[in-house]
Amino acid sequence: MLTEKHEGIFKYLDCSTAHVRPKDMDLLIIAESIVTIPHKYGAFVNVPNPDDEAEALYNRIREEGFSEDFIKILKFAYANNCYWINFDADGIMHHKFNDLSDLWETESESCSSHTRGVTLPPVRETRKKYTFIVTPSHGYLIVPVDEVREAVKRGARISKYSVVVDDKVYLEEDCDAPAFVQTMDISSADIESVEDNDFIAKMHPSFTG
């Protein structure tokens, strides 16, 4: 959660793959009308801008075979100023969209190898929860020291602005927390945000590895 505006940082919609059909996820591999970045548990989808083409843009997406459920999510993301959608097996379930979990029991059998045989949207084996605190000046993701060290071994770069409190590292929100989340493949659904008006980072030593 950002506590101040930063140039070059944009919103994205976190959305469960249970809101789209197996065929939609399969089409993301070959789609030409939209930009996609597949990942292990789903895909990032660039939210198209319909301002110049209006419904013609969505018609092209329909012609590629995408469902109305998928297009509804695209429109919702655009209306809420999101630049990307993260379709994730552990993503958030939204009451505005249909729950299509049952279709993964049947439709996935007729799709390509990307989804064939999947009885439900694939879920992460581990669902550990993390706490993100929002202070009056900044935000921090609280992570055990050992996990941060493991992330560093895998290539994550942690700055001096993250601090150590007992056996936890408070990862600052701008660079360090995103680096950890990306390196360790943490879902946003596993992070709970709480307010903490008493925490003062400068009272604690910086993380040094």
C-alpha atoms as a PDB file:
ATOM      1  CA  MET A   1       0.000   0.000   0.000  1.00  0.00           C
ATOM      2  CA  LEU A   2       1.430   3.361  -0.968  1.00  0.00           C
ATOM      3  CA  THR A   3       1.333   6.155   1.554  1.00  0.00           C
ATOM      4  CA  GLU A   4       2.321   8.864  -0.935  1.00  0.00           C
ATOM      5  CA  LYS A   5       2.292   9.393  -4.687  1.00  0.00           C
ATOM      6  CA  HIS A   6       5.293   8.279  -6.719  1.00  0.00           C
ATOM      7  CA  GLU A   7       5.816   8.915 -10.418  1.00  0.00           C
ATOM      8  CA  GLY A   8       5.932   5.717 -12.460  1.00  0.00           C
ATOM      9  CA  ILE A   9       3.988   3.539 -10.007  1.00  0.00           C
ATOM     10  CA  PHE A  10       0.628   2.318 -11.306  1.00  0.00           C
ATOM     11  CA  LYS A  11      -2.402   0.353 -10.102  1.00  0.00           C
ATOM     12  CA  TYR A  12      -3.228  -3.242 -10.981  1.00  0.00           C
ATOM     13  CA  LEU A  13      -6.293  -5.403 -10.340  1.00  0.00           C
ATOM     14  CA  ASP A  14      -5.676  -8.637  -8.431  1.00  0.00           C
ATOM     15  CA  CYS A  15      -8.211 -11.207  -9.650  1.00  0.00           C
ATOM     16  CA  SER A  16      -8.730 -14.922  -9.087  1.00  0.00           C
ATOM     17  CA  THR A  17      -8.472 -17.210 -12.112  1.00  0.00           C
ATOM     18  CA  ALA A  18     -11.803 -18.635 -10.906  1.00  0.00           C
ATOM     19  CA  HIS A  19     -13.468 -15.589 -12.520  1.00  0.00           C
ATOM     20  CA  VAL A  20     -12.398 -16.612 -16.030  1.00  0.00           C
ATOM     21  CA  ARG A  21     -12.894 -19.733 -18.109  1.00  0.00           C
ATOM     22  CA  PRO A  22     -10.096 -22.242 -18.737  1.00  0.00           C
ATOM     23  CA  LYS A  23     -10.360 -21.304 -22.417  1.00  0.00           C
ATOM     24  CA  ASP A  24      -9.654 -17.650 -21.559  1.00  0.00           C
ATOM     25  CA  MET A  25      -6.447 -18.583 -19.753  1.00  0.00           C
ATOM     26  CA  ASP A  26      -5.457 -20.807 -22.659  1.00  0.00           C
ATOM     27  CA  LEU A  27      -6.021 -18.036 -25.204  1.00  0.00           C
ATOM     28  CA  LEU A  28      -3.679 -15.698 -23.315  1.00  0.00           C
ATOM     29  CA  ILE A  29      -0.749 -17.684 -24.705  1.00  0.00           C
ATOM     30  CA  ILE A  30      -1.578 -16.808 -28.324  1.00  0.00           C
ATOM     31  CA  ALA A  31      -3.613 -13.599 -27.964  1.00  0.00           C
ATOM     32  CA  GLU A  32      -2.753 -10.823 -30.433  1.00  0.00           C
ATOM     33  CA  SER A  33      -5.323  -8.244 -29.334  1.00  0.00           C
ATOM     34  CA  ILE A  34      -3.914  -7.843 -25.814  1.00  0.00           C
ATOM     35  CA  VAL A  35      -0.497  -7.927 -24.152  1.00  0.00           C
ATOM     36  CA  THR A  36       0.025 -10.756 -21.648  1.00  0.00           C
ATOM     37  CA  ILE A  37       2.822 -12.021 -19.386  1.00  0.00           C
ATOM     38  CA  PRO A  38       2.146 -15.617 -18.267  1.00  0.00           C
ATOM     39  CA  HIS A  39       3.421 -16.771 -14.877  1.00  0.00           C
ATOM     40  CA  LYS A  40       3.302 -20.008 -12.921  1.00  0.00           C
ATOM     41  CA  TYR A  41      -0.108 -19.364 -11.339  1.00  0.00           C
ATOM     42  CA  GLY A  42      -1.838 -17.363 -14.073  1.00  0.00           C
ATOM     43  CA  ALA A  43      -0.932 -14.305 -16.114  1.00  0.00           C
ATOM     44  CA  PHE A  44      -0.586 -10.551 -16.096  1.00  0.00           C
ATOM     45  CA  VAL A  45      -2.802  -8.865 -18.690  1.00  0.00           C
ATOM     46  CA  ASN A  46      -2.254  -5.312 -19.878  1.00  0.00           C
ATOM     47  CA  VAL A  47      -5.551  -3.413 -19.643  1.00  0.00           C
ATOM     48  CA  PRO A  48      -6.428  -2.115 -23.139  1.00  0.00           C
ATOM     49  CA  ASN A  49      -7.458   1.514 -23.602  1.00  0.00           C
ATOM     50  CA  PRO A  50     -10.772   1.707 -25.518  1.00  0.00           C
ATOM     51  CA  ASP A  51     -10.932   5.515 -25.699  1.00  0.00           C
ATOM     52  CA  ASP A  52     -10.156   5.719 -29.415  1.00  0.00           C
ATOM     53  CA  GLU A  53     -11.915   2.574 -30.615  1.00  0.00           C
ATOM     54  CA  ALA A  54     -14.664   2.081 -28.029  1.00  0.00           C
ATOM     55  CA  GLU A  55     -16.506  -1.239 -28.478  1.00  0.00           C
ATOM     56  CA  ALA A  56     -14.512  -2.102 -31.623  1.00  0.00           C
ATOM     57  CA  LEU A  57     -11.554  -2.946 -29.406  1.00  0.00           C
ATOM     58  CA  TYR A  58     -13.579  -5.394 -27.321  1.00  0.00           C
ATOM     59  CA  ASN A  59     -15.079  -6.898 -30.481  1.00  0.00           C
ATOM     60  CA  ARG A  60     -11.591  -7.847 -31.655  1.00  0.00           C
ATOM     61  CA  ILE A  61     -10.981  -9.510 -28.301  1.00  0.00           C
ATOM     62  CA  ARG A  62     -14.277 -11.387 -28.662  1.00  0.00           C
ATOM     63  CA  GLU A  63     -13.262 -12.515 -32.142  1.00  0.00           C
ATOM     64  CA  GLU A  64     -10.204 -14.181 -30.656  1.00  0.00           C
ATOM     65  CA  GLY A  65     -12.558 -16.275 -28.532  1.00  0.00           C
ATOM     66  CA  PHE A  66     -12.429 -14.574 -25.143  1.00  0.00           C
ATOM     67  CA  SER A  67     -15.586 -14.819 -23.017  1.00  0.00           C
ATOM     68  CA  GLU A  68     -17.849 -12.008 -21.856  1.00  0.00           C
ATOM     69  CA  ASP A  69     -16.701 -12.778 -18.312  1.00  0.00           C
ATOM     70  CA  PHE A  70     -13.135 -11.954 -19.346  1.00  0.00           C
ATOM     71  CA  ILE A  71     -14.171  -8.774 -21.159  1.00  0.00           C
ATOM     72  CA  LYS A  72     -16.224  -7.636 -18.169  1.00  0.00           C
ATOM     73  CA  ILE A  73     -13.097  -7.808 -16.021  1.00  0.00           C
ATOM     74  CA  LEU A  74     -11.124  -5.829 -18.621  1.00  0.00           C
ATOM     75  CA  LYS A  75     -13.765  -3.090 -18.593  1.00  0.00           C
ATOM     76  CA  PHE A  76     -13.894  -3.016 -14.790  1.00  0.00           C
ATOM     77  CA  ALA A  77     -10.103  -2.684 -14.558  1.00  0.00           C
ATOM     78  CA  TYR A  78     -10.065   0.154 -17.083  1.00  0.00           C
ATOM     79  CA  ALA A  79     -12.916   1.977 -15.317  1.00  0.00           C
ATOM     80  CA  ASN A  80     -10.890   1.823 -12.101  1.00  0.00           C
ATOM     81  CA  ASN A  81      -7.680   3.174 -13.676  1.00  0.00           C
ATOM     82  CA  CYS A  82      -5.776  -0.103 -13.529  1.00  0.00           C
ATOM     83  CA  TYR A  83      -2.913  -0.617 -15.971  1.00  0.00           C
ATOM     84  CA  TRP A  84      -2.621  -4.375 -15.446  1.00  0.00           C
ATOM     85  CA  ILE A  85      -4.694  -7.322 -14.225  1.00  0.00           C
ATOM     86  CA  ASN A  86      -2.992 -10.148 -12.349  1.00  0.00           C
ATOM     87  CA  PHE A  87      -5.060 -13.287 -12.934  1.00  0.00           C
ATOM     88  CA  ASP A  88      -3.733 -15.471 -10.121  1.00  0.00           C
ATOM     89  CA  ALA A  89      -4.853 -18.798  -8.668  1.00  0.00           C
ATOM     90  CA  ASP A  90      -4.625 -17.206  -5.216  1.00  0.00           C
ATOM     91  CA  GLY A  91      -6.041 -13.885  -6.397  1.00  0.00           C
ATOM     92  CA  ILE A  92      -8.953 -12.059  -4.829  1.00  0.00           C
ATOM     93  CA  MET A  93     -12.530 -13.205  -5.458  1.00  0.00           C
ATOM     94  CA  HIS A  94     -14.741 -10.262  -6.423  1.00  0.00           C
ATOM     95  CA  HIS A  95     -18.502 -10.241  -5.880  1.00  0.00           C
ATOM     96  CA  LYS A  96     -18.940  -8.282  -9.127  1.00  0.00           C
ATOM     97  CA  PHE A  97     -17.732 -11.222 -11.234  1.00  0.00           C
ATOM     98  CA  ASN A  98     -19.060 -14.737 -11.758  1.00  0.00           C
ATOM     99  CA  ASP A  99     -17.484 -17.619  -9.851  1.00  0.00           C
ATOM    100  CA  LEU A 100     -16.553 -20.090 -12.610  1.00  0.00           C
ATOM    101  CA  SER A 101     -14.710 -22.605 -10.445  1.00  0.00           C
ATOM    102  CA  ASP A 102     -17.045 -25.417 -11.536  1.00  0.00           C
ATOM    103  CA  LEU A 103     -16.051 -24.932 -15.177  1.00  0.00           C
ATOM    104  CA  TRP A 104     -12.490 -25.924 -14.332  1.00  0.00           C
ATOM    105  CA  GLU A 105     -13.887 -29.411 -13.612  1.00  0.00           C
ATOM    106  CA  THR A 106     -15.154 -29.792 -17.198  1.00  0.00           C
ATOM    107  CA  GLU A 107     -13.901 -27.214 -19.709  1.00  0.00           C
ATOM    108  CA  SER A 108     -10.205 -27.650 -18.890  1.00  0.00           C
ATOM    109  CA  GLU A 109     -10.315 -31.120 -20.481  1.00  0.00           C
ATOM    110  CA  SER A 110     -11.004 -29.605 -23.923  1.00  0.00           C
ATOM    111  CA  CYS A 111      -8.305 -26.932 -23.728  1.00  0.00           C
ATOM    112  CA  SER A 112      -4.647 -27.209 -24.716  1.00  0.00           C
ATOM    113  CA  SER A 113      -1.853 -28.525 -22.522  1.00  0.00           C
ATOM    114  CA  HIS A 114      -1.726 -25.202 -20.665  1.00  0.00           C
ATOM    115  CA  THR A 115      -4.948 -26.059 -18.830  1.00  0.00           C
ATOM    116  CA  ARG A 116      -5.765 -29.681 -19.723  1.00  0.00           C
ATOM    117  CA  GLY A 117      -6.270 -31.886 -16.701  1.00  0.00           C
ATOM    118  CA  VAL A 118      -6.628 -29.016 -14.240  1.00  0.00           C
ATOM    119  CA  THR A 119      -9.615 -29.716 -12.022  1.00  0.00           C
ATOM    120  CA  LEU A 120      -9.435 -26.378 -10.260  1.00  0.00           C
ATOM    121  CA  PRO A 121      -7.322 -23.262 -10.809  1.00  0.00           C
ATOM    122  CA  PRO A 122      -3.851 -24.331  -9.612  1.00  0.00           C
ATOM    123  CA  VAL A 123      -3.105 -23.130  -6.117  1.00  0.00           C
ATOM    124  CA  ARG A 124       0.170 -22.596  -4.315  1.00  0.00           C
ATOM    125  CA  GLU A 125       1.176 -25.406  -2.009  1.00  0.00           C
ATOM    126  CA  THR A 126       2.061 -22.936   0.741  1.00  0.00           C
ATOM    127  CA  ARG A 127      -0.255 -20.171   1.897  1.00  0.00           C
ATOM    128  CA  LYS A 128       1.807 -18.434   4.545  1.00  0.00           C
ATOM    129  CA  LYS A 129       0.409 -15.105   5.685  1.00  0.00           C
ATOM    130  CA  TYR A 130       2.397 -11.886   5.938  1.00  0.00           C
ATOM    131  CA  THR A 131       1.565  -8.585   7.612  1.00  0.00           C
ATOM    132  CA  PHE A 132       2.026  -5.218   5.931  1.00  0.00           C
ATOM    133  CA  ILE A 133       1.963  -2.290   8.359  1.00  0.00           C
ATOM    134  CA  VAL A 134       1.020   1.234   7.381  1.00  0.00           C
ATOM    135  CA  THR A 135       2.685   3.882   9.519  1.00  0.00           C
ATOM    136  CA  PRO A 136       2.126   7.653   9.363  1.00  0.00           C
ATOM    137  CA  SER A 137       5.231   7.997   7.168  1.00  0.00           C
ATOM    138  CA  HIS A 138       5.715   4.713   5.287  1.00  0.00           C
ATOM    139  CA  GLY A 139       4.677   1.088   4.840  1.00  0.00           C
ATOM    140  CA  TYR A 140       6.574  -2.105   5.730  1.00  0.00           C
ATOM    141  CA  LEU A 141       6.155  -5.795   4.970  1.00  0.00           C
ATOM    142  CA  ILE A 142       7.107  -7.909   8.006  1.00  0.00           C
ATOM    143  CA  VAL A 143       9.114 -11.010   7.054  1.00  0.00           C
ATOM    144  CA  PRO A 144      11.233 -13.493   9.067  1.00  0.00           C
ATOM    145  CA  VAL A 145      14.955 -12.800   8.762  1.00  0.00           C
ATOM    146  CA  ASP A 146      15.676 -16.272   7.354  1.00  0.00           C
ATOM    147  CA  GLU A 147      13.212 -15.757   4.494  1.00  0.00           C
ATOM    148  CA  VAL A 148      14.730 -12.404   3.604  1.00  0.00           C
ATOM    149  CA  ARG A 149      18.190 -13.980   3.543  1.00  0.00           C
ATOM    150  CA  GLU A 150      16.881 -16.682   1.243  1.00  0.00           C
ATOM    151  CA  ALA A 151      15.438 -14.021  -1.064  1.00  0.00           C
ATOM    152  CA  VAL A 152      18.822 -12.281  -1.119  1.00  0.00           C
ATOM    153  CA  LYS A 153      20.474 -15.572  -2.140  1.00  0.00           C
ATOM    154  CA  ARG A 154      18.007 -15.750  -5.019  1.00  0.00           C
ATOM    155  CA  GLY A 155      18.939 -12.281  -6.210  1.00  0.00           C
ATOM    156  CA  ALA A 156      16.689  -9.858  -4.315  1.00  0.00           C
ATOM    157  CA  ARG A 157      18.351  -6.568  -3.414  1.00  0.00           C
ATOM    158  CA  ILE A 158      17.429  -5.214   0.016  1.00  0.00           C
ATOM    159  CA  SER A 159      18.338  -1.640   0.927  1.00  0.00           C
ATOM    160  CA  LYS A 160      19.422  -0.008   4.175  1.00  0.00           C
ATOM    161  CA  TYR A 161      15.915   1.430   4.527  1.00  0.00           C
ATOM    162  CA  SER A 162      14.587  -1.936   5.702  1.00  0.00           C
ATOM    163  CA  VAL A 163      15.166  -2.560   9.406  1.00  0.00           C
ATOM    164  CA  VAL A 164      15.515  -5.516  11.747  1.00  0.00           C
ATOM    165  CA  VAL A 165      13.232  -5.981  14.764  1.00  0.00           C
ATOM    166  CA  ASP A 166      14.063  -9.107  16.762  1.00  0.00           C
ATOM    167  CA  ASP A 167      13.833 -12.017  14.283  1.00  0.00           C
ATOM    168  CA  LYS A 168      11.869 -10.059  11.653  1.00  0.00           C
ATOM    169  CA  VAL A 169      12.817  -7.690   8.865  1.00  0.00           C
ATOM    170  CA  TYR A 170      10.539  -4.747   8.152  1.00  0.00           C
ATOM    171  CA  LEU A 171      10.863  -4.396   4.365  1.00  0.00           C
ATOM    172  CA  GLU A 172      10.160  -0.867   3.157  1.00  0.00           C
ATOM    173  CA  GLU A 173       7.332  -0.632   0.642  1.00  0.00           C
ATOM    174  CA  ASP A 174       8.874   1.121  -2.375  1.00  0.00           C
ATOM    175  CA  CYS A 175      11.597  -1.309  -3.474  1.00  0.00           C
ATOM    176  CA  ASP A 176      12.457  -3.942  -0.871  1.00  0.00           C
ATOM    177  CA  ALA A 177       9.003  -5.389  -0.221  1.00  0.00           C
ATOM    178  CA  PRO A 178       8.211  -5.721  -3.978  1.00  0.00           C
ATOM    179  CA  ALA A 179      11.625  -7.346  -4.534  1.00  0.00           C
ATOM    180  CA  PHE A 180      10.906  -9.934  -1.846  1.00  0.00           C
ATOM    181  CA  VAL A 181       7.365 -10.607  -3.085  1.00  0.00           C
ATOM    182  CA  GLN A 182       8.541 -11.112  -6.662  1.00  0.00           C
ATOM    183  CA  THR A 183      11.575 -13.218  -5.791  1.00  0.00           C
ATOM    184  CA  MET A 184       9.690 -15.510  -3.411  1.00  0.00           C
ATOM    185  CA  ASP A 185       6.507 -15.585  -5.529  1.00  0.00           C
ATOM    186  CA  ILE A 186       4.205 -14.305  -2.792  1.00  0.00           C
ATOM    187  CA  SER A 187       0.550 -13.720  -3.640  1.00  0.00           C
ATOM    188  CA  SER A 188      -1.117 -10.457  -2.687  1.00  0.00           C
ATOM    189  CA  ALA A 189      -3.897 -12.582  -1.176  1.00  0.00           C
ATOM    190  CA  ASP A 190      -1.375 -13.721   1.449  1.00  0.00           C
ATOM    191  CA  ILE A 191      -0.663 -10.193   2.694  1.00  0.00           C
ATOM    192  CA  GLU A 192      -2.815  -8.477   5.318  1.00  0.00           C
ATOM    193  CA  SER A 193      -2.559  -4.715   5.809  1.00  0.00           C
ATOM    194  CA  VAL A 194      -2.891  -3.131   9.257  1.00  0.00           C
ATOM    195  CA  GLU A 195      -2.258   0.333  10.638  1.00  0.00           C
ATOM    196  CA  ASP A 196       0.567   0.905  13.130  1.00  0.00           C
ATOM    197  CA  ASN A 197       0.908   4.456  14.383  1.00  0.00           C
ATOM    198  CA  ASP A 198       3.646   3.603  16.899  1.00  0.00           C
ATOM    199  CA  PHE A 199       6.339   1.997  14.754  1.00  0.00           C
ATOM    200  CA  ILE A 200       9.402   4.207  14.090  1.00  0.00           C
ATOM    201  CA  ALA A 201      11.904   2.666  11.670  1.00  0.00           C
ATOM    202  CA  LYS A 202      14.866   4.842  12.647  1.00  0.00           C
ATOM    203  CA  MET A 203      14.749   3.307  16.136  1.00  0.00           C
ATOM    204  CA  HIS A 204      15.952  -0.018  14.680  1.00  0.00           C
ATOM    205  CA  PRO A 205      19.112  -1.173  12.875  1.00  0.00           C
ATOM    206  CA  SER A 206      19.185  -1.519   9.104  1.00  0.00           C
ATOM    207  CA  PHE A 207      19.130  -4.959   7.534  1.00  0.00           C
ATOM    208  CA  THR A 208      22.638  -5.867   6.380  1.00  0.00           C
ATOM    209  CA  GLY A 209      22.144  -9.440   5.265  1.00  0.00           C
END
